[in-house]
Amino acid sequence: MSQKIYVGNLGYSVNNETLSSKFAQYGTVSSAKVIMDRDTNRSKGFGFVEMSSSSEAAKAIQALNGSEFEGRNMNVSEAKPMEPRDGGSRDGGSKRW
């Protein structure tokens, strides 16, 4: 079963391909995605990697957490499920009745 990994404190030069190749040393990477700011199209400094098995993911987490990559020490951990968000309105939350 595949395992999703959170990768934080990424350098702004890191892209999907470089992130994937860094994790490929520890197993099969199903996907690698650096999260980009939609307004500036610049990296937000974090991303997610999906490894093909939980044992490969555990190896990658242990080896890469705190390691230097592109000039920064990465924070690598098991990804947590996204928490539900409040369904805010488009008008900034003010309700006019």
PDB file of N, CA and C in Angstrom:
ATOM      1  N   MET A   1       0.839  -1.180   0.000  1.00  0.00           N
ATOM      2  CA  MET A   1       0.000   0.000   0.000  1.00  0.00           C
ATOM      3  C   MET A   1       0.886   1.246   0.000  1.00  0.00           C
ATOM      4  N   SER A   2       0.514   2.243  -0.762  1.00  0.00           N
ATOM      5  CA  SER A   2       1.322   3.449  -0.874  1.00  0.00           C
ATOM      6  C   SER A   2       1.227   4.289   0.394  1.00  0.00           C
ATOM      7  N   GLN A   3       2.227   5.128   0.568  1.00  0.00           N
ATOM      8  CA  GLN A   3       2.334   5.965   1.767  1.00  0.00           C
ATOM      9  C   GLN A   3       2.669   7.380   1.338  1.00  0.00           C
ATOM     10  N   LYS A   4       1.949   8.356   1.860  1.00  0.00           N
ATOM     11  CA  LYS A   4       2.183   9.763   1.536  1.00  0.00           C
ATOM     12  C   LYS A   4       3.084  10.384   2.593  1.00  0.00           C
ATOM     13  N   ILE A   5       4.049  11.189   2.132  1.00  0.00           N
ATOM     14  CA  ILE A   5       5.051  11.817   2.998  1.00  0.00           C
ATOM     15  C   ILE A   5       4.963  13.332   2.828  1.00  0.00           C
ATOM     16  N   TYR A   6       5.013  14.037   3.948  1.00  0.00           N
ATOM     17  CA  TYR A   6       5.089  15.504   3.942  1.00  0.00           C
ATOM     18  C   TYR A   6       6.560  15.899   3.928  1.00  0.00           C
ATOM     19  N   VAL A   7       6.920  16.860   3.092  1.00  0.00           N
ATOM     20  CA  VAL A   7       8.292  17.357   3.017  1.00  0.00           C
ATOM     21  C   VAL A   7       8.239  18.869   3.163  1.00  0.00           C
ATOM     22  N   GLY A   8       8.801  19.385   4.257  1.00  0.00           N
ATOM     23  CA  GLY A   8       8.784  20.821   4.519  1.00  0.00           C
ATOM     24  C   GLY A   8      10.176  21.424   4.484  1.00  0.00           C
ATOM     25  N   ASN A   9      10.214  22.742   4.503  1.00  0.00           N
ATOM     26  CA  ASN A   9      11.441  23.535   4.482  1.00  0.00           C
ATOM     27  C   ASN A   9      12.253  23.282   3.214  1.00  0.00           C
ATOM     28  N   LEU A  10      11.555  23.216   2.085  1.00  0.00           N
ATOM     29  CA  LEU A  10      12.218  23.029   0.799  1.00  0.00           C
ATOM     30  C   LEU A  10      12.737  24.359   0.273  1.00  0.00           C
ATOM     31  N   GLY A  11      13.863  24.307  -0.413  1.00  0.00           N
ATOM     32  CA  GLY A  11      14.387  25.485  -1.084  1.00  0.00           C
ATOM     33  C   GLY A  11      13.460  25.855  -2.238  1.00  0.00           C
ATOM     34  N   TYR A  12      13.441  27.127  -2.597  1.00  0.00           N
ATOM     35  CA  TYR A  12      12.521  27.585  -3.639  1.00  0.00           C
ATOM     36  C   TYR A  12      12.898  27.071  -5.023  1.00  0.00           C
ATOM     37  N   SER A  13      14.110  26.552  -5.186  1.00  0.00           N
ATOM     38  CA  SER A  13      14.522  26.015  -6.484  1.00  0.00           C
ATOM     39  C   SER A  13      14.081  24.567  -6.683  1.00  0.00           C
ATOM     40  N   VAL A  14      13.589  23.921  -5.639  1.00  0.00           N
ATOM     41  CA  VAL A  14      13.160  22.524  -5.742  1.00  0.00           C
ATOM     42  C   VAL A  14      11.875  22.439  -6.562  1.00  0.00           C
ATOM     43  N   ASN A  15      11.856  21.512  -7.520  1.00  0.00           N
ATOM     44  CA  ASN A  15      10.644  21.285  -8.318  1.00  0.00           C
ATOM     45  C   ASN A  15      10.229  19.819  -8.185  1.00  0.00           C
ATOM     46  N   ASN A  16       9.154  19.443  -8.851  1.00  0.00           N
ATOM     47  CA  ASN A  16       8.629  18.082  -8.742  1.00  0.00           C
ATOM     48  C   ASN A  16       9.679  17.030  -9.113  1.00  0.00           C
ATOM     49  N   GLU A  17      10.444  17.291 -10.167  1.00  0.00           N
ATOM     50  CA  GLU A  17      11.420  16.320 -10.645  1.00  0.00           C
ATOM     51  C   GLU A  17      12.578  16.139  -9.658  1.00  0.00           C
ATOM     52  N   THR A  18      13.120  17.239  -9.130  1.00  0.00           N
ATOM     53  CA  THR A  18      14.243  17.111  -8.193  1.00  0.00           C
ATOM     54  C   THR A  18      13.782  16.467  -6.890  1.00  0.00           C
ATOM     55  N   LEU A  19      12.566  16.768  -6.463  1.00  0.00           N
ATOM     56  CA  LEU A  19      12.026  16.152  -5.255  1.00  0.00           C
ATOM     57  C   LEU A  19      11.865  14.646  -5.465  1.00  0.00           C
ATOM     58  N   SER A  20      11.330  14.257  -6.602  1.00  0.00           N
ATOM     59  CA  SER A  20      11.139  12.846  -6.919  1.00  0.00           C
ATOM     60  C   SER A  20      12.465  12.100  -6.945  1.00  0.00           C
ATOM     61  N   SER A  21      13.462  12.686  -7.583  1.00  0.00           N
ATOM     62  CA  SER A  21      14.756  11.998  -7.689  1.00  0.00           C
ATOM     63  C   SER A  21      15.440  11.867  -6.329  1.00  0.00           C
ATOM     64  N   LYS A  22      15.238  12.823  -5.441  1.00  0.00           N
ATOM     65  CA  LYS A  22      15.818  12.730  -4.092  1.00  0.00           C
ATOM     66  C   LYS A  22      15.234  11.535  -3.340  1.00  0.00           C
ATOM     67  N   PHE A  23      13.938  11.325  -3.455  1.00  0.00           N
ATOM     68  CA  PHE A  23      13.281  10.238  -2.732  1.00  0.00           C
ATOM     69  C   PHE A  23      13.419   8.888  -3.438  1.00  0.00           C
ATOM     70  N   ALA A  24      13.692   8.899  -4.735  1.00  0.00           N
ATOM     71  CA  ALA A  24      13.819   7.656  -5.499  1.00  0.00           C
ATOM     72  C   ALA A  24      14.986   6.805  -5.012  1.00  0.00           C
ATOM     73  N   GLN A  25      15.928   7.395  -4.297  1.00  0.00           N
ATOM     74  CA  GLN A  25      17.053   6.639  -3.727  1.00  0.00           C
ATOM     75  C   GLN A  25      16.568   5.609  -2.707  1.00  0.00           C
ATOM     76  N   TYR A  26      15.365   5.789  -2.192  1.00  0.00           N
ATOM     77  CA  TYR A  26      14.860   4.940  -1.107  1.00  0.00           C
ATOM     78  C   TYR A  26      13.701   4.043  -1.540  1.00  0.00           C
ATOM     79  N   GLY A  27      13.327   4.078  -2.815  1.00  0.00           N
ATOM     80  CA  GLY A  27      12.257   3.219  -3.299  1.00  0.00           C
ATOM     81  C   GLY A  27      11.527   3.854  -4.462  1.00  0.00           C
ATOM     82  N   THR A  28      10.420   3.248  -4.819  1.00  0.00           N
ATOM     83  CA  THR A  28       9.626   3.699  -5.959  1.00  0.00           C
ATOM     84  C   THR A  28       8.749   4.879  -5.561  1.00  0.00           C
ATOM     85  N   VAL A  29       8.922   5.981  -6.271  1.00  0.00           N
ATOM     86  CA  VAL A  29       8.121   7.183  -6.031  1.00  0.00           C
ATOM     87  C   VAL A  29       6.917   7.151  -6.964  1.00  0.00           C
ATOM     88  N   SER A  30       5.721   7.107  -6.389  1.00  0.00           N
ATOM     89  CA  SER A  30       4.489   7.126  -7.191  1.00  0.00           C
ATOM     90  C   SER A  30       4.191   8.533  -7.690  1.00  0.00           C
ATOM     91  N   SER A  31       4.444   9.534  -6.842  1.00  0.00           N
ATOM     92  CA  SER A  31       4.236  10.923  -7.235  1.00  0.00           C
ATOM     93  C   SER A  31       5.038  11.828  -6.312  1.00  0.00           C
ATOM     94  N   ALA A  32       5.372  13.005  -6.831  1.00  0.00           N
ATOM     95  CA  ALA A  32       6.062  14.034  -6.042  1.00  0.00           C
ATOM     96  C   ALA A  32       5.509  15.379  -6.487  1.00  0.00           C
ATOM     97  N   LYS A  33       5.069  16.176  -5.523  1.00  0.00           N
ATOM     98  CA  LYS A  33       4.414  17.445  -5.857  1.00  0.00           C
ATOM     99  C   LYS A  33       4.886  18.539  -4.913  1.00  0.00           C
ATOM    100  N   VAL A  34       5.525  19.556  -5.472  1.00  0.00           N
ATOM    101  CA  VAL A  34       5.873  20.753  -4.716  1.00  0.00           C
ATOM    102  C   VAL A  34       4.667  21.684  -4.807  1.00  0.00           C
ATOM    103  N   ILE A  35       4.206  22.182  -3.671  1.00  0.00           N
ATOM    104  CA  ILE A  35       3.023  23.049  -3.643  1.00  0.00           C
ATOM    105  C   ILE A  35       3.429  24.471  -4.043  1.00  0.00           C
ATOM    106  N   MET A  36       2.719  24.984  -5.034  1.00  0.00           N
ATOM    107  CA  MET A  36       3.038  26.299  -5.590  1.00  0.00           C
ATOM    108  C   MET A  36       1.972  27.325  -5.199  1.00  0.00           C
ATOM    109  N   ASP A  37       2.401  28.568  -5.009  1.00  0.00           N
ATOM    110  CA  ASP A  37       1.488  29.671  -4.758  1.00  0.00           C
ATOM    111  C   ASP A  37       0.791  30.008  -6.071  1.00  0.00           C
ATOM    112  N   ARG A  38      -0.518  30.036  -6.065  1.00  0.00           N
ATOM    113  CA  ARG A  38      -1.228  30.245  -7.332  1.00  0.00           C
ATOM    114  C   ARG A  38      -1.093  31.667  -7.862  1.00  0.00           C
ATOM    115  N   ASP A  39      -0.815  32.649  -7.006  1.00  0.00           N
ATOM    116  CA  ASP A  39      -0.677  34.032  -7.472  1.00  0.00           C
ATOM    117  C   ASP A  39       0.708  34.317  -8.038  1.00  0.00           C
ATOM    118  N   THR A  40       1.759  33.825  -7.358  1.00  0.00           N
ATOM    119  CA  THR A  40       3.133  34.120  -7.769  1.00  0.00           C
ATOM    120  C   THR A  40       3.774  32.987  -8.557  1.00  0.00           C
ATOM    121  N   ASN A  41       3.154  31.807  -8.558  1.00  0.00           N
ATOM    122  CA  ASN A  41       3.695  30.608  -9.197  1.00  0.00           C
ATOM    123  C   ASN A  41       5.080  30.255  -8.640  1.00  0.00           C
ATOM    124  N   ARG A  42       5.285  30.570  -7.371  1.00  0.00           N
ATOM    125  CA  ARG A  42       6.531  30.268  -6.677  1.00  0.00           C
ATOM    126  C   ARG A  42       6.245  29.203  -5.620  1.00  0.00           C
ATOM    127  N   SER A  43       7.232  28.373  -5.349  1.00  0.00           N
ATOM    128  CA  SER A  43       7.072  27.311  -4.362  1.00  0.00           C
ATOM    129  C   SER A  43       6.687  27.889  -3.004  1.00  0.00           C
ATOM    130  N   LYS A  44       5.814  27.187  -2.295  1.00  0.00           N
ATOM    131  CA  LYS A  44       5.460  27.582  -0.933  1.00  0.00           C
ATOM    132  C   LYS A  44       6.442  26.990   0.078  1.00  0.00           C
ATOM    133  N   GLY A  45       7.413  26.194  -0.388  1.00  0.00           N
ATOM    134  CA  GLY A  45       8.437  25.650   0.496  1.00  0.00           C
ATOM    135  C   GLY A  45       8.094  24.301   1.099  1.00  0.00           C
ATOM    136  N   PHE A  46       7.037  23.658   0.585  1.00  0.00           N
ATOM    137  CA  PHE A  46       6.717  22.320   1.058  1.00  0.00           C
ATOM    138  C   PHE A  46       6.076  21.526  -0.074  1.00  0.00           C
ATOM    139  N   GLY A  47       5.996  20.215   0.148  1.00  0.00           N
ATOM    140  CA  GLY A  47       5.404  19.367  -0.865  1.00  0.00           C
ATOM    141  C   GLY A  47       5.067  17.999  -0.295  1.00  0.00           C
ATOM    142  N   PHE A  48       4.666  17.108  -1.173  1.00  0.00           N
ATOM    143  CA  PHE A  48       4.278  15.756  -0.779  1.00  0.00           C
ATOM    144  C   PHE A  48       4.879  14.753  -1.749  1.00  0.00           C
ATOM    145  N   VAL A  49       5.317  13.632  -1.196  1.00  0.00           N
ATOM    146  CA  VAL A  49       5.843  12.531  -1.996  1.00  0.00           C
ATOM    147  C   VAL A  49       5.041  11.295  -1.632  1.00  0.00           C
ATOM    148  N   GLU A  50       4.647  10.530  -2.631  1.00  0.00           N
ATOM    149  CA  GLU A  50       3.955   9.278  -2.378  1.00  0.00           C
ATOM    150  C   GLU A  50       4.874   8.141  -2.795  1.00  0.00           C
ATOM    151  N   MET A  51       5.193   7.277  -1.828  1.00  0.00           N
ATOM    152  CA  MET A  51       6.054   6.120  -2.077  1.00  0.00           C
ATOM    153  C   MET A  51       5.157   4.898  -2.268  1.00  0.00           C
ATOM    154  N   SER A  52       5.647   3.901  -3.005  1.00  0.00           N
ATOM    155  CA  SER A  52       4.822   2.742  -3.342  1.00  0.00           C
ATOM    156  C   SER A  52       4.550   1.819  -2.162  1.00  0.00           C
ATOM    157  N   SER A  53       5.388   1.873  -1.123  1.00  0.00           N
ATOM    158  CA  SER A  53       5.127   1.022   0.049  1.00  0.00           C
ATOM    159  C   SER A  53       5.454   1.775   1.332  1.00  0.00           C
ATOM    160  N   SER A  54       4.831   1.347   2.416  1.00  0.00           N
ATOM    161  CA  SER A  54       5.074   2.010   3.699  1.00  0.00           C
ATOM    162  C   SER A  54       6.482   1.744   4.209  1.00  0.00           C
ATOM    163  N   SER A  55       7.080   0.601   3.863  1.00  0.00           N
ATOM    164  CA  SER A  55       8.454   0.331   4.311  1.00  0.00           C
ATOM    165  C   SER A  55       9.444   1.244   3.594  1.00  0.00           C
ATOM    166  N   GLU A  56       9.225   1.500   2.304  1.00  0.00           N
ATOM    167  CA  GLU A  56      10.083   2.442   1.574  1.00  0.00           C
ATOM    168  C   GLU A  56       9.913   3.854   2.127  1.00  0.00           C
ATOM    169  N   ALA A  57       8.677   4.221   2.442  1.00  0.00           N
ATOM    170  CA  ALA A  57       8.411   5.543   3.007  1.00  0.00           C
ATOM    171  C   ALA A  57       9.109   5.705   4.349  1.00  0.00           C
ATOM    172  N   ALA A  58       9.062   4.678   5.181  1.00  0.00           N
ATOM    173  CA  ALA A  58       9.717   4.736   6.494  1.00  0.00           C
ATOM    174  C   ALA A  58      11.222   4.908   6.334  1.00  0.00           C
ATOM    175  N   LYS A  59      11.813   4.201   5.368  1.00  0.00           N
ATOM    176  CA  LYS A  59      13.252   4.348   5.103  1.00  0.00           C
ATOM    177  C   LYS A  59      13.586   5.773   4.685  1.00  0.00           C
ATOM    178  N   ALA A  60      12.779   6.322   3.784  1.00  0.00           N
ATOM    179  CA  ALA A  60      13.018   7.681   3.286  1.00  0.00           C
ATOM    180  C   ALA A  60      12.870   8.709   4.400  1.00  0.00           C
ATOM    181  N   ILE A  61      11.840   8.553   5.231  1.00  0.00           N
ATOM    182  CA  ILE A  61      11.616   9.489   6.339  1.00  0.00           C
ATOM    183  C   ILE A  61      12.795   9.467   7.294  1.00  0.00           C
ATOM    184  N   GLN A  62      13.228   8.268   7.666  1.00  0.00           N
ATOM    185  CA  GLN A  62      14.344   8.144   8.607  1.00  0.00           C
ATOM    186  C   GLN A  62      15.635   8.738   8.036  1.00  0.00           C
ATOM    187  N   ALA A  63      15.892   8.478   6.764  1.00  0.00           N
ATOM    188  CA  ALA A  63      17.139   8.931   6.151  1.00  0.00           C
ATOM    189  C   ALA A  63      17.145  10.430   5.842  1.00  0.00           C
ATOM    190  N   LEU A  64      16.006  10.979   5.460  1.00  0.00           N
ATOM    191  CA  LEU A  64      15.993  12.349   4.944  1.00  0.00           C
ATOM    192  C   LEU A  64      15.546  13.417   5.931  1.00  0.00           C
ATOM    193  N   ASN A  65      14.853  13.051   7.003  1.00  0.00           N
ATOM    194  CA  ASN A  65      14.405  14.065   7.954  1.00  0.00           C
ATOM    195  C   ASN A  65      15.616  14.764   8.577  1.00  0.00           C
ATOM    196  N   GLY A  66      15.675  16.072   8.424  1.00  0.00           N
ATOM    197  CA  GLY A  66      16.778  16.863   8.959  1.00  0.00           C
ATOM    198  C   GLY A  66      17.975  16.953   8.039  1.00  0.00           C
ATOM    199  N   SER A  67      17.938  16.241   6.910  1.00  0.00           N
ATOM    200  CA  SER A  67      19.082  16.271   5.991  1.00  0.00           C
ATOM    201  C   SER A  67      19.031  17.517   5.111  1.00  0.00           C
ATOM    202  N   GLU A  68      20.193  17.909   4.613  1.00  0.00           N
ATOM    203  CA  GLU A  68      20.321  19.101   3.780  1.00  0.00           C
ATOM    204  C   GLU A  68      19.970  18.764   2.334  1.00  0.00           C
ATOM    205  N   PHE A  69      19.163  19.624   1.708  1.00  0.00           N
ATOM    206  CA  PHE A  69      18.790  19.481   0.306  1.00  0.00           C
ATOM    207  C   PHE A  69      18.591  20.863  -0.276  1.00  0.00           C
ATOM    208  N   GLU A  70      19.360  21.188  -1.296  1.00  0.00           N
ATOM    209  CA  GLU A  70      19.277  22.497  -1.956  1.00  0.00           C
ATOM    210  C   GLU A  70      19.446  23.652  -0.961  1.00  0.00           C
ATOM    211  N   GLY A  71      20.350  23.467   0.009  1.00  0.00           N
ATOM    212  CA  GLY A  71      20.685  24.539   0.935  1.00  0.00           C
ATOM    213  C   GLY A  71      19.828  24.649   2.180  1.00  0.00           C
ATOM    214  N   ARG A  72      18.886  23.738   2.376  1.00  0.00           N
ATOM    215  CA  ARG A  72      18.024  23.778   3.568  1.00  0.00           C
ATOM    216  C   ARG A  72      17.911  22.389   4.179  1.00  0.00           C
ATOM    217  N   ASN A  73      17.650  22.351   5.487  1.00  0.00           N
ATOM    218  CA  ASN A  73      17.422  21.080   6.167  1.00  0.00           C
ATOM    219  C   ASN A  73      15.935  20.745   6.093  1.00  0.00           C
ATOM    220  N   MET A  74      15.637  19.655   5.416  1.00  0.00           N
ATOM    221  CA  MET A  74      14.241  19.259   5.189  1.00  0.00           C
ATOM    222  C   MET A  74      13.586  18.726   6.455  1.00  0.00           C
ATOM    223  N   ASN A  75      12.287  18.965   6.570  1.00  0.00           N
ATOM    224  CA  ASN A  75      11.440  18.322   7.576  1.00  0.00           C
ATOM    225  C   ASN A  75      10.640  17.267   6.825  1.00  0.00           C
ATOM    226  N   VAL A  76      10.858  16.005   7.178  1.00  0.00           N
ATOM    227  CA  VAL A  76      10.211  14.904   6.463  1.00  0.00           C
ATOM    228  C   VAL A  76       9.452  14.061   7.473  1.00  0.00           C
ATOM    229  N   SER A  77       8.159  13.851   7.225  1.00  0.00           N
ATOM    230  CA  SER A  77       7.346  13.052   8.145  1.00  0.00           C
ATOM    231  C   SER A  77       6.177  12.438   7.387  1.00  0.00           C
ATOM    232  N   GLU A  78       5.502  11.515   8.049  1.00  0.00           N
ATOM    233  CA  GLU A  78       4.304  10.921   7.461  1.00  0.00           C
ATOM    234  C   GLU A  78       3.257  12.024   7.308  1.00  0.00           C
ATOM    235  N   ALA A  79       2.637  12.084   6.146  1.00  0.00           N
ATOM    236  CA  ALA A  79       1.602  13.092   5.903  1.00  0.00           C
ATOM    237  C   ALA A  79       0.366  12.757   6.717  1.00  0.00           C
ATOM    238  N   LYS A  80      -0.227  13.780   7.290  1.00  0.00           N
ATOM    239  CA  LYS A  80      -1.477  13.614   8.052  1.00  0.00           C
ATOM    240  C   LYS A  80      -2.648  13.933   7.132  1.00  0.00           C
ATOM    241  N   PRO A  81      -3.780  13.307   7.351  1.00  0.00           N
ATOM    242  CA  PRO A  81      -4.955  13.632   6.518  1.00  0.00           C
ATOM    243  C   PRO A  81      -5.336  15.101   6.667  1.00  0.00           C
ATOM    244  N   MET A  82      -5.794  15.688   5.582  1.00  0.00           N
ATOM    245  CA  MET A  82      -6.193  17.089   5.607  1.00  0.00           C
ATOM    246  C   MET A  82      -7.426  17.242   6.486  1.00  0.00           C
ATOM    247  N   GLU A  83      -7.381  18.222   7.384  1.00  0.00           N
ATOM    248  CA  GLU A  83      -8.515  18.468   8.268  1.00  0.00           C
ATOM    249  C   GLU A  83      -9.600  19.214   7.507  1.00  0.00           C
ATOM    250  N   PRO A  84     -10.859  18.919   7.828  1.00  0.00           N
ATOM    251  CA  PRO A  84     -11.944  19.631   7.143  1.00  0.00           C
ATOM    252  C   PRO A  84     -11.883  21.125   7.446  1.00  0.00           C
ATOM    253  N   ARG A  85     -12.176  21.898   6.451  1.00  0.00           N
ATOM    254  CA  ARG A  85     -12.157  23.359   6.612  1.00  0.00           C
ATOM    255  C   ARG A  85     -13.571  23.873   6.744  1.00  0.00           C
ATOM    256  N   ASP A  86     -13.686  25.047   7.400  1.00  0.00           N
ATOM    257  CA  ASP A  86     -14.983  25.714   7.455  1.00  0.00           C
ATOM    258  C   ASP A  86     -15.322  26.177   6.045  1.00  0.00           C
ATOM    259  N   GLY A  87     -16.550  26.089   5.688  1.00  0.00           N
ATOM    260  CA  GLY A  87     -16.981  26.520   4.360  1.00  0.00           C
ATOM    261  C   GLY A  87     -17.179  28.013   4.318  1.00  0.00           C
ATOM    262  N   GLY A  88     -16.113  28.776   4.390  1.00  0.00           N
ATOM    263  CA  GLY A  88     -16.191  30.233   4.392  1.00  0.00           C
ATOM    264  C   GLY A  88     -16.836  30.771   3.127  1.00  0.00           C
ATOM    265  N   SER A  89     -17.425  31.920   3.234  1.00  0.00           N
ATOM    266  CA  SER A  89     -18.077  32.514   2.074  1.00  0.00           C
ATOM    267  C   SER A  89     -17.091  33.378   1.311  1.00  0.00           C
ATOM    268  N   ARG A  90     -17.422  33.687   0.079  1.00  0.00           N
ATOM    269  CA  ARG A  90     -16.525  34.452  -0.790  1.00  0.00           C
ATOM    270  C   ARG A  90     -16.497  35.942  -0.428  1.00  0.00           C
ATOM    271  N   ASP A  91     -17.418  36.399   0.401  1.00  0.00           N
ATOM    272  CA  ASP A  91     -17.460  37.829   0.720  1.00  0.00           C
ATOM    273  C   ASP A  91     -16.697  38.152   2.003  1.00  0.00           C
ATOM    274  N   GLY A  92     -15.775  37.286   2.385  1.00  0.00           N
ATOM    275  CA  GLY A  92     -14.970  37.555   3.568  1.00  0.00           C
ATOM    276  C   GLY A  92     -15.620  37.119   4.862  1.00  0.00           C
ATOM    277  N   GLY A  93     -16.701  36.390   4.777  1.00  0.00           N
ATOM    278  CA  GLY A  93     -17.333  35.867   5.964  1.00  0.00           C
ATOM    279  C   GLY A  93     -18.457  36.711   6.519  1.00  0.00           C
ATOM    280  N   SER A  94     -18.638  37.915   5.978  1.00  0.00           N
ATOM    281  CA  SER A  94     -19.734  38.741   6.503  1.00  0.00           C
ATOM    282  C   SER A  94     -21.050  38.278   5.891  1.00  0.00           C
ATOM    283  N   LYS A  95     -22.027  38.146   6.719  1.00  0.00           N
ATOM    284  CA  LYS A  95     -23.342  37.694   6.255  1.00  0.00           C
ATOM    285  C   LYS A  95     -24.300  38.878   6.285  1.00  0.00           C
ATOM    286  N   ARG A  96     -24.953  39.069   5.193  1.00  0.00           N
ATOM    287  CA  ARG A  96     -25.941  40.152   5.121  1.00  0.00           C
ATOM    288  C   ARG A  96     -27.310  39.524   5.028  1.00  0.00           C
ATOM    289  N   TRP A  97     -28.088  39.660   6.055  1.00  0.00           N
ATOM    290  CA  TRP A  97     -29.425  39.040   6.060  1.00  0.00           C
ATOM    291  C   TRP A  97     -30.454  40.042   5.720  1.00  0.00           C
TER     292      TRP A  97
END
